Amino acid sequence: MNRLIEKIEAGTPTHRDRAIDGLRALALLAVPTGHWLLGGFTLSADGALHNASPLGAFAGLAPVSWVLQMLGIFFLVGGYASVLSYRRWEGSTGAWLKGRLARLGRPVLGVTAVWAALLPLLHFGLGVPVDTLRTASTLVIQPLWFVGVYTVVTALTPLCVRATRRFGVWAAAPLLGSVAVVDFLRYGPYADAVPSWLSLLNIMPGWLFAYQLGVSWGEGRVTRRHAWGLLVGGAALFAALLLVFGYPASMVGVPGEARTNSHPPSLLVLALAAAQSGAAILLRERLGGLLKRPALWAPVVVINLSAMTILCWHQTAMLTAAIPASYLGEVPGLVGAPDSVGWILARLAWMPVFAGLLVLIGRYARSFESPWTTTGPARRTLAGLLAAGFAVFALGLG
């Protein structure tokens, strides 16, 4: 282990911004941690698994979702890193975008193609119920919406740079205002007259907000005064939306609740992203100093190198434990209604198992992150067809 740490430290360029990588690693780890902690399974009479959440029984756990909802940080750091990469790029904008988007697309294609091949094997070969496979497919595809949104946001980087150079940090303000207007229309006094699809208008401005802040940060247009404004203003808006305007407390969807904050993002999500972004910018120097320690820096490097593998395969790791366990009946913390303190304690005990399974899966799945230099057109076409078929099944379209 010491040799690996020393090797990583020796291979790190002196100009590497360790704080940015540390923030990205923190945001990455929050995704599987949140899904593993706040997701559970019930077992129906026919032995099939169905999604459940402890938030349905323990509303007091909602603040946990505030801590684990760190996509704002992820988009902030993404915008910062993208603008630095874009400035260094010497080729065309199209070539830059193609390279960035390929890095996002390969792992998604890989996980969906593998699952498409597994579905018939699990059902016809091992007798796994169709409802279990639908539950599993929903969970696998759940984090991938983020990749799709992030892909579009990345493609907008040149426009974000132009907006920053003209308006500075205030380039993000219209995005916040847009989400506020849509929220007013769908939750205000005229909500009954507003079509349900209107909420979809929040998807792009909602997630572009923190990315635009990151671009402004990377362009040197965010000062400490701005960061304090984001932290204090975001926290104040967050509190007002919860206490005065009645927004749901959970940052993730809760079964049975009519309103959700995250799909699509509500103004509460942007308020949290603003506060988190301000805190991240203010703590940058301190975090960078901590990560000068090789023992702390090494895991950050490993996590960043496996970013898309973590995003794409962490639900598979949990399912690798849950599906076989379903044949044993109810297993505390894994299969069974997540409605007791005992379930929560048992789930905490399962967390290292999920992490170990993810590491094991990642040893093989990380190959999808590398350029497919030896993969011919026929295999790429087959992977695309398998991925499309899996998407149809997972979304309930077929």
Protein backbone atom coordinates (compact mmCIF):
# COMPACT_ATOMS: atom_id res chain seq x y z
CA MET A 1 0.00 0.00 0.00
CA ASN A 2 2.81 2.39 0.90
CA ARG A 3 4.42 1.80 -2.50
CA LEU A 4 1.15 2.64 -4.27
CA ILE A 5 0.78 5.83 -2.24
CA GLU A 6 4.35 6.82 -3.03
CA LYS A 7 3.84 6.05 -6.73
CA ILE A 8 0.69 8.18 -6.91
CA GLU A 9 2.39 11.04 -5.08
CA ALA A 10 5.43 10.90 -7.37
CA GLY A 11 3.22 10.85 -10.46
CA THR A 12 1.17 13.90 -9.46
CA PRO A 13 2.18 17.07 -11.36
CA THR A 14 3.10 19.99 -9.11
CA HIS A 15 0.45 22.19 -10.77
CA ARG A 16 -2.38 19.71 -10.04
CA ASP A 17 -5.26 21.39 -8.22
CA ARG A 18 -5.78 18.84 -5.46
CA ALA A 19 -8.71 20.67 -3.93
CA ILE A 20 -10.77 20.39 -7.13
CA ASP A 21 -10.08 16.67 -7.36
CA GLY A 22 -10.93 16.31 -3.68
CA LEU A 23 -14.28 18.03 -4.12
CA ARG A 24 -15.07 15.85 -7.12
CA ALA A 25 -14.20 12.69 -5.17
CA LEU A 26 -16.41 13.80 -2.29
CA ALA A 27 -19.34 14.44 -4.61
CA LEU A 28 -18.77 11.11 -6.36
CA LEU A 29 -18.79 9.12 -3.12
CA ALA A 30 -22.01 10.85 -2.02
CA VAL A 31 -23.90 9.25 -4.94
CA PRO A 32 -23.50 5.56 -3.98
CA THR A 33 -23.63 6.40 -0.28
CA GLY A 34 -26.98 8.13 -0.74
CA HIS A 35 -28.45 5.43 -2.93
CA TRP A 36 -27.27 2.64 -0.64
CA LEU A 37 -28.46 4.32 2.56
CA LEU A 38 -31.80 5.68 1.34
CA GLY A 39 -32.84 2.82 -0.93
CA GLY A 40 -34.32 -0.50 0.12
CA PHE A 41 -36.35 -3.44 -1.14
CA THR A 42 -39.60 -5.08 -0.14
CA LEU A 43 -40.40 -8.65 -1.11
CA SER A 44 -43.78 -9.46 -2.68
CA ALA A 45 -45.61 -12.76 -2.31
CA ASP A 46 -44.20 -14.06 -5.59
CA GLY A 47 -40.62 -13.42 -4.42
CA ALA A 48 -40.04 -10.27 -6.48
CA LEU A 49 -38.11 -7.24 -5.27
CA HIS A 50 -39.68 -3.78 -5.25
CA ASN A 51 -38.13 -0.42 -4.42
CA ALA A 52 -38.71 1.14 -1.01
CA SER A 53 -37.16 3.92 1.04
CA PRO A 54 -36.63 4.45 4.79
CA LEU A 55 -37.63 8.09 4.22
CA GLY A 56 -41.23 6.92 3.94
CA ALA A 57 -41.18 5.82 7.59
CA PHE A 58 -38.49 8.15 8.95
CA ALA A 59 -39.18 11.68 7.71
CA GLY A 60 -36.61 12.86 10.24
CA LEU A 61 -33.88 11.40 8.05
CA ALA A 62 -34.48 14.10 5.41
CA PRO A 63 -31.45 16.19 6.56
CA VAL A 64 -29.25 13.22 5.62
CA SER A 65 -30.31 13.83 2.02
CA TRP A 66 -29.15 17.46 2.31
CA VAL A 67 -25.64 16.24 3.06
CA LEU A 68 -25.62 13.49 0.46
CA GLN A 69 -27.17 15.56 -2.35
CA MET A 70 -23.86 16.87 -3.68
CA LEU A 71 -24.60 17.03 -7.39
CA GLY A 72 -24.32 20.81 -7.09
CA ILE A 73 -20.66 20.35 -6.10
CA PHE A 74 -20.17 17.87 -8.93
CA PHE A 75 -21.51 20.33 -11.51
CA LEU A 76 -19.53 23.19 -9.95
CA VAL A 77 -16.28 21.26 -10.20
CA GLY A 78 -17.26 20.03 -13.67
CA GLY A 79 -17.67 23.59 -14.90
CA TYR A 80 -14.36 24.63 -13.34
CA ALA A 81 -12.45 21.70 -14.87
CA SER A 82 -14.14 22.04 -18.25
CA VAL A 83 -13.25 25.69 -18.69
CA LEU A 84 -9.60 24.98 -17.83
CA SER A 85 -9.54 22.11 -20.33
CA TYR A 86 -11.27 24.25 -22.94
CA ARG A 87 -8.72 27.05 -22.52
CA ARG A 88 -5.79 24.64 -22.91
CA TRP A 89 -7.27 22.93 -25.98
CA GLU A 90 -5.50 23.89 -29.19
CA GLY A 91 -7.84 22.21 -31.68
CA SER A 92 -11.41 22.96 -32.73
CA THR A 93 -14.29 23.26 -30.29
CA GLY A 94 -15.99 20.32 -31.99
CA ALA A 95 -12.98 18.06 -31.41
CA TRP A 96 -12.82 19.14 -27.77
CA LEU A 97 -16.50 18.33 -27.25
CA LYS A 98 -16.20 14.98 -29.02
CA GLY A 99 -13.42 13.89 -26.69
CA ARG A 100 -15.26 15.00 -23.54
CA LEU A 101 -18.53 13.38 -24.58
CA ALA A 102 -16.90 10.10 -25.59
CA ARG A 103 -15.48 9.77 -22.08
CA LEU A 104 -19.00 10.04 -20.70
CA GLY A 105 -20.69 7.82 -23.25
CA ARG A 106 -18.47 4.72 -23.22
CA PRO A 107 -19.18 3.65 -19.62
CA VAL A 108 -22.93 4.23 -20.02
CA LEU A 109 -22.99 2.12 -23.16
CA GLY A 110 -21.00 -0.54 -21.36
CA VAL A 111 -23.22 -0.94 -18.30
CA THR A 112 -26.48 -0.89 -20.27
CA ALA A 113 -25.20 -3.39 -22.83
CA VAL A 114 -24.01 -5.77 -20.11
CA TRP A 115 -27.35 -5.57 -18.32
CA ALA A 116 -29.22 -6.16 -21.58
CA ALA A 117 -27.26 -9.40 -21.99
CA LEU A 118 -27.85 -10.36 -18.34
CA LEU A 119 -31.64 -9.92 -18.33
CA PRO A 120 -32.55 -13.07 -20.34
CA LEU A 121 -29.87 -15.09 -18.52
CA LEU A 122 -31.21 -14.08 -15.11
CA HIS A 123 -34.84 -14.71 -16.05
CA PHE A 124 -34.73 -17.81 -18.21
CA GLY A 125 -31.57 -19.33 -16.80
CA LEU A 126 -31.90 -18.57 -13.09
CA GLY A 127 -35.61 -17.88 -12.74
CA VAL A 128 -35.36 -14.33 -11.46
CA PRO A 129 -38.89 -12.78 -11.53
CA VAL A 130 -39.60 -10.17 -14.21
CA ASP A 131 -40.66 -7.66 -11.56
CA THR A 132 -37.27 -8.03 -9.87
CA LEU A 133 -35.58 -7.38 -13.19
CA ARG A 134 -37.70 -4.28 -13.76
CA THR A 135 -36.79 -3.01 -10.29
CA ALA A 136 -33.12 -3.71 -10.98
CA SER A 137 -33.26 -2.04 -14.39
CA THR A 138 -34.88 1.06 -12.90
CA LEU A 139 -32.10 1.31 -10.33
CA VAL A 140 -29.35 0.78 -12.88
CA ILE A 141 -30.69 3.45 -15.21
CA GLN A 142 -31.51 5.85 -12.35
CA PRO A 143 -28.02 7.44 -12.10
CA LEU A 144 -27.63 7.55 -15.88
CA TRP A 145 -30.05 10.47 -16.32
CA PHE A 146 -27.33 12.50 -14.64
CA VAL A 147 -24.82 11.50 -17.32
CA GLY A 148 -27.24 12.57 -20.04
CA VAL A 149 -27.82 15.97 -18.45
CA TYR A 150 -24.11 16.41 -17.77
CA THR A 151 -23.40 15.61 -21.43
CA VAL A 152 -25.70 18.42 -22.61
CA VAL A 153 -24.33 20.83 -20.03
CA THR A 154 -20.76 20.04 -21.12
CA ALA A 155 -21.72 20.76 -24.71
CA LEU A 156 -22.81 24.24 -23.57
CA THR A 157 -19.36 25.07 -22.16
CA PRO A 158 -18.40 27.53 -24.93
CA LEU A 159 -21.64 29.46 -24.34
CA CYS A 160 -21.07 29.42 -20.58
CA VAL A 161 -17.60 30.88 -21.12
CA ARG A 162 -19.00 33.69 -23.26
CA ALA A 163 -21.68 34.44 -20.66
CA THR A 164 -19.09 34.56 -17.90
CA ARG A 165 -16.80 36.90 -19.82
CA ARG A 166 -19.72 39.26 -20.30
CA PHE A 167 -21.58 39.04 -16.99
CA GLY A 168 -19.14 37.42 -14.56
CA VAL A 169 -20.59 35.40 -11.70
CA TRP A 170 -24.02 36.96 -12.40
CA ALA A 171 -24.31 34.80 -15.53
CA ALA A 172 -25.88 32.14 -13.29
CA ALA A 173 -28.61 34.48 -11.99
CA PRO A 174 -31.05 34.06 -14.92
CA LEU A 175 -30.90 30.28 -14.45
CA LEU A 176 -31.97 30.67 -10.82
CA GLY A 177 -34.72 33.07 -11.88
CA SER A 178 -35.98 30.67 -14.54
CA VAL A 179 -36.38 27.85 -12.04
CA ALA A 180 -38.09 30.21 -9.58
CA VAL A 181 -40.66 31.21 -12.21
CA VAL A 182 -41.45 27.60 -13.15
CA ASP A 183 -41.77 26.63 -9.49
CA PHE A 184 -44.16 29.52 -8.90
CA LEU A 185 -46.31 28.40 -11.82
CA ARG A 186 -46.43 24.73 -10.82
CA TYR A 187 -46.84 25.27 -7.06
CA GLY A 188 -48.50 28.71 -6.89
CA PRO A 189 -52.14 29.77 -6.88
CA TYR A 190 -52.65 28.84 -10.54
CA ALA A 191 -51.05 25.40 -10.31
CA ASP A 192 -54.26 23.60 -11.37
CA ALA A 193 -54.19 25.40 -14.73
CA VAL A 194 -50.54 24.56 -15.45
CA PRO A 195 -49.73 21.47 -17.55
CA SER A 196 -47.60 18.82 -15.80
CA TRP A 197 -44.91 18.93 -18.48
CA LEU A 198 -44.02 22.49 -17.49
CA SER A 199 -41.81 21.15 -14.70
CA LEU A 200 -39.48 19.69 -17.35
CA LEU A 201 -38.41 23.24 -18.16
CA ASN A 202 -36.40 23.16 -14.92
CA ILE A 203 -34.11 20.33 -16.00
CA MET A 204 -31.48 22.26 -17.94
CA PRO A 205 -31.38 25.58 -16.02
CA GLY A 206 -31.62 23.65 -12.76
CA TRP A 207 -28.45 21.64 -13.36
CA LEU A 208 -26.69 24.26 -15.48
CA PHE A 209 -26.78 26.70 -12.54
CA ALA A 210 -23.90 25.17 -10.55
CA TYR A 211 -21.99 24.35 -13.75
CA GLN A 212 -22.17 28.02 -14.78
CA LEU A 213 -20.87 28.99 -11.34
CA GLY A 214 -17.99 26.57 -11.90
CA VAL A 215 -17.18 28.12 -15.26
CA SER A 216 -17.16 31.58 -13.64
CA TRP A 217 -14.91 30.22 -10.90
CA GLY A 218 -12.53 28.75 -13.45
CA GLU A 219 -12.44 32.08 -15.27
CA GLY A 220 -11.42 33.83 -12.06
CA ARG A 221 -14.67 35.80 -11.76
CA VAL A 222 -15.74 34.48 -8.33
CA THR A 223 -14.23 36.27 -5.33
CA ARG A 224 -14.44 35.33 -1.65
CA ARG A 225 -17.12 37.99 -1.27
CA HIS A 226 -19.14 36.25 -3.98
CA ALA A 227 -18.56 32.90 -2.26
CA TRP A 228 -19.86 34.25 1.05
CA GLY A 229 -22.88 35.62 -0.80
CA LEU A 230 -23.58 32.20 -2.30
CA LEU A 231 -23.20 30.46 1.06
CA VAL A 232 -25.32 32.86 3.11
CA GLY A 233 -27.85 33.63 0.38
CA GLY A 234 -28.25 29.97 -0.56
CA ALA A 235 -28.72 28.92 3.07
CA ALA A 236 -31.28 31.71 3.67
CA LEU A 237 -33.25 30.81 0.55
CA PHE A 238 -33.12 27.12 1.50
CA ALA A 239 -34.55 27.88 4.96
CA ALA A 240 -37.26 30.13 3.54
CA LEU A 241 -38.40 27.56 1.00
CA LEU A 242 -38.66 24.89 3.70
CA LEU A 243 -40.21 26.92 6.50
CA VAL A 244 -42.35 29.46 4.64
CA PHE A 245 -43.17 27.98 1.24
CA GLY A 246 -43.62 24.36 2.28
CA TYR A 247 -41.12 22.64 -0.01
CA PRO A 248 -40.58 18.92 0.73
CA ALA A 249 -37.68 18.46 3.15
CA SER A 250 -36.13 15.49 1.34
CA MET A 251 -33.78 16.17 -1.55
CA VAL A 252 -34.69 12.79 -3.08
CA GLY A 253 -38.05 11.36 -4.02
CA VAL A 254 -40.08 9.69 -1.27
CA PRO A 255 -42.61 6.98 -2.23
CA GLY A 256 -46.15 8.30 -1.86
CA GLU A 257 -45.19 11.99 -1.87
CA ALA A 258 -46.83 14.12 -4.56
CA ARG A 259 -43.91 16.55 -4.84
CA THR A 260 -40.22 15.89 -5.31
CA ASN A 261 -37.28 18.25 -5.33
CA SER A 262 -34.86 16.43 -7.59
CA HIS A 263 -36.72 15.19 -10.67
CA PRO A 264 -36.75 17.81 -12.11
CA PRO A 265 -34.75 20.08 -9.78
CA SER A 266 -36.76 22.56 -7.75
CA LEU A 267 -35.60 25.91 -6.45
CA LEU A 268 -34.64 24.15 -3.19
CA VAL A 269 -32.01 22.14 -5.09
CA LEU A 270 -30.50 25.34 -6.49
CA ALA A 271 -30.50 26.98 -3.05
CA LEU A 272 -28.59 24.00 -1.67
CA ALA A 273 -26.22 24.05 -4.66
CA ALA A 274 -25.52 27.75 -4.12
CA ALA A 275 -24.73 27.23 -0.42
CA GLN A 276 -22.55 24.19 -1.16
CA SER A 277 -20.73 26.04 -3.94
CA GLY A 278 -19.99 28.99 -1.69
CA ALA A 279 -18.66 26.69 1.03
CA ALA A 280 -16.53 24.75 -1.46
CA ILE A 281 -14.94 27.90 -2.86
CA LEU A 282 -14.21 29.23 0.62
CA LEU A 283 -12.68 25.92 1.78
CA ARG A 284 -10.61 25.35 -1.33
CA GLU A 285 -7.25 26.39 0.11
CA ARG A 286 -7.74 24.44 3.31
CA LEU A 287 -8.79 21.31 1.43
CA GLY A 288 -5.83 21.65 -0.93
CA GLY A 289 -3.51 21.82 2.07
CA LEU A 290 -4.97 18.66 3.58
CA LEU A 291 -4.59 16.77 0.33
CA LYS A 292 -0.87 17.47 0.21
CA ARG A 293 -0.64 14.51 2.55
CA PRO A 294 0.07 11.47 0.34
CA ALA A 295 -2.12 9.12 2.38
CA LEU A 296 -5.14 11.39 1.84
CA TRP A 297 -4.32 12.22 -1.76
CA ALA A 298 -3.96 8.63 -3.03
CA PRO A 299 -7.63 7.60 -2.53
CA VAL A 300 -8.75 10.85 -4.17
CA VAL A 301 -6.77 9.94 -7.28
CA VAL A 302 -8.17 6.41 -7.37
CA ILE A 303 -11.76 7.65 -7.00
CA ASN A 304 -11.35 10.24 -9.75
CA LEU A 305 -9.84 7.67 -12.12
CA SER A 306 -12.89 5.47 -11.53
CA ALA A 307 -15.52 8.23 -11.60
CA MET A 308 -17.79 6.86 -14.31
CA THR A 309 -17.39 3.29 -13.07
CA ILE A 310 -18.65 4.38 -9.63
CA LEU A 311 -21.60 6.25 -11.13
CA CYS A 312 -22.61 3.52 -13.55
CA TRP A 313 -22.07 0.38 -11.47
CA HIS A 314 -22.81 1.19 -7.81
CA GLN A 315 -26.44 0.11 -8.07
CA THR A 316 -25.33 -3.15 -9.66
CA ALA A 317 -23.14 -3.76 -6.62
CA MET A 318 -26.15 -3.46 -4.29
CA LEU A 319 -28.26 -5.65 -6.55
CA THR A 320 -25.53 -8.30 -6.62
CA ALA A 321 -26.21 -8.76 -2.91
CA ALA A 322 -29.98 -8.20 -2.91
CA ILE A 323 -31.11 -10.47 -5.75
CA PRO A 324 -29.55 -13.69 -4.37
CA ALA A 325 -30.70 -12.71 -0.85
CA SER A 326 -34.31 -12.47 -2.05
CA TYR A 327 -34.38 -16.28 -2.37
CA LEU A 328 -33.78 -16.51 1.39
CA GLY A 329 -36.81 -14.38 2.22
CA GLU A 330 -36.43 -11.24 4.29
CA VAL A 331 -32.84 -10.37 5.18
CA PRO A 332 -32.37 -7.53 7.73
CA GLY A 333 -31.11 -4.34 6.11
CA LEU A 334 -31.19 -5.83 2.63
CA VAL A 335 -34.59 -7.34 1.78
CA GLY A 336 -37.60 -6.29 3.83
CA ALA A 337 -39.56 -3.16 4.65
CA PRO A 338 -37.17 -0.32 5.65
CA ASP A 339 -39.39 0.86 8.48
CA SER A 340 -37.44 0.20 11.67
CA VAL A 341 -34.31 1.35 13.46
CA GLY A 342 -33.08 -2.21 13.19
CA TRP A 343 -33.24 -1.98 9.40
CA ILE A 344 -31.17 1.22 9.46
CA LEU A 345 -28.49 -0.36 11.66
CA ALA A 346 -28.42 -3.49 9.50
CA ARG A 347 -28.16 -1.41 6.33
CA LEU A 348 -25.14 0.39 7.78
CA ALA A 349 -23.55 -3.01 8.28
CA TRP A 350 -24.21 -3.88 4.62
CA MET A 351 -22.47 -0.74 3.33
CA PRO A 352 -18.93 -2.24 3.37
CA VAL A 353 -20.27 -5.28 1.51
CA PHE A 354 -21.69 -3.07 -1.25
CA ALA A 355 -18.41 -1.16 -1.41
CA GLY A 356 -16.43 -4.38 -1.70
CA LEU A 357 -18.67 -5.65 -4.48
CA LEU A 358 -18.28 -2.34 -6.32
CA VAL A 359 -14.50 -2.61 -6.10
CA LEU A 360 -14.66 -6.17 -7.44
CA ILE A 361 -16.99 -5.20 -10.31
CA GLY A 362 -14.91 -2.12 -11.02
CA ARG A 363 -11.79 -4.20 -11.69
CA TYR A 364 -13.47 -5.38 -14.88
CA ALA A 365 -15.89 -2.54 -15.62
CA ARG A 366 -13.18 0.15 -15.67
CA SER A 367 -12.20 -1.07 -19.14
CA PHE A 368 -15.33 0.70 -20.45
CA GLU A 369 -13.79 4.03 -19.44
CA SER A 370 -10.76 3.49 -21.69
CA PRO A 371 -10.89 4.33 -25.42
CA TRP A 372 -12.32 1.42 -27.38
CA THR A 373 -9.37 1.29 -29.76
CA THR A 374 -9.70 -2.46 -30.39
CA THR A 375 -13.50 -2.47 -30.62
CA GLY A 376 -14.63 -2.67 -34.24
CA PRO A 377 -17.80 -1.13 -35.76
CA ALA A 378 -19.75 -4.40 -35.49
CA ARG A 379 -19.18 -4.69 -31.72
CA ARG A 380 -19.98 -1.02 -31.19
CA THR A 381 -23.21 -1.42 -33.13
CA LEU A 382 -24.14 -4.50 -31.09
CA ALA A 383 -23.40 -2.66 -27.85
CA GLY A 384 -25.60 0.21 -29.02
CA LEU A 385 -28.48 -2.09 -29.87
CA LEU A 386 -28.21 -3.90 -26.53
CA ALA A 387 -28.12 -0.58 -24.69
CA ALA A 388 -31.21 0.64 -26.55
CA GLY A 389 -33.07 -2.57 -25.75
CA PHE A 390 -32.19 -2.26 -22.08
CA ALA A 391 -33.41 1.34 -22.01
CA VAL A 392 -36.74 0.30 -23.52
CA PHE A 393 -37.15 -2.39 -20.84
CA ALA A 394 -36.01 -0.20 -17.95
CA LEU A 395 -38.31 2.67 -18.89
CA GLY A 396 -41.29 0.33 -19.20
CA LEU A 397 -41.70 0.96 -22.92
CA GLY A 398 -41.65 -2.66 -23.90
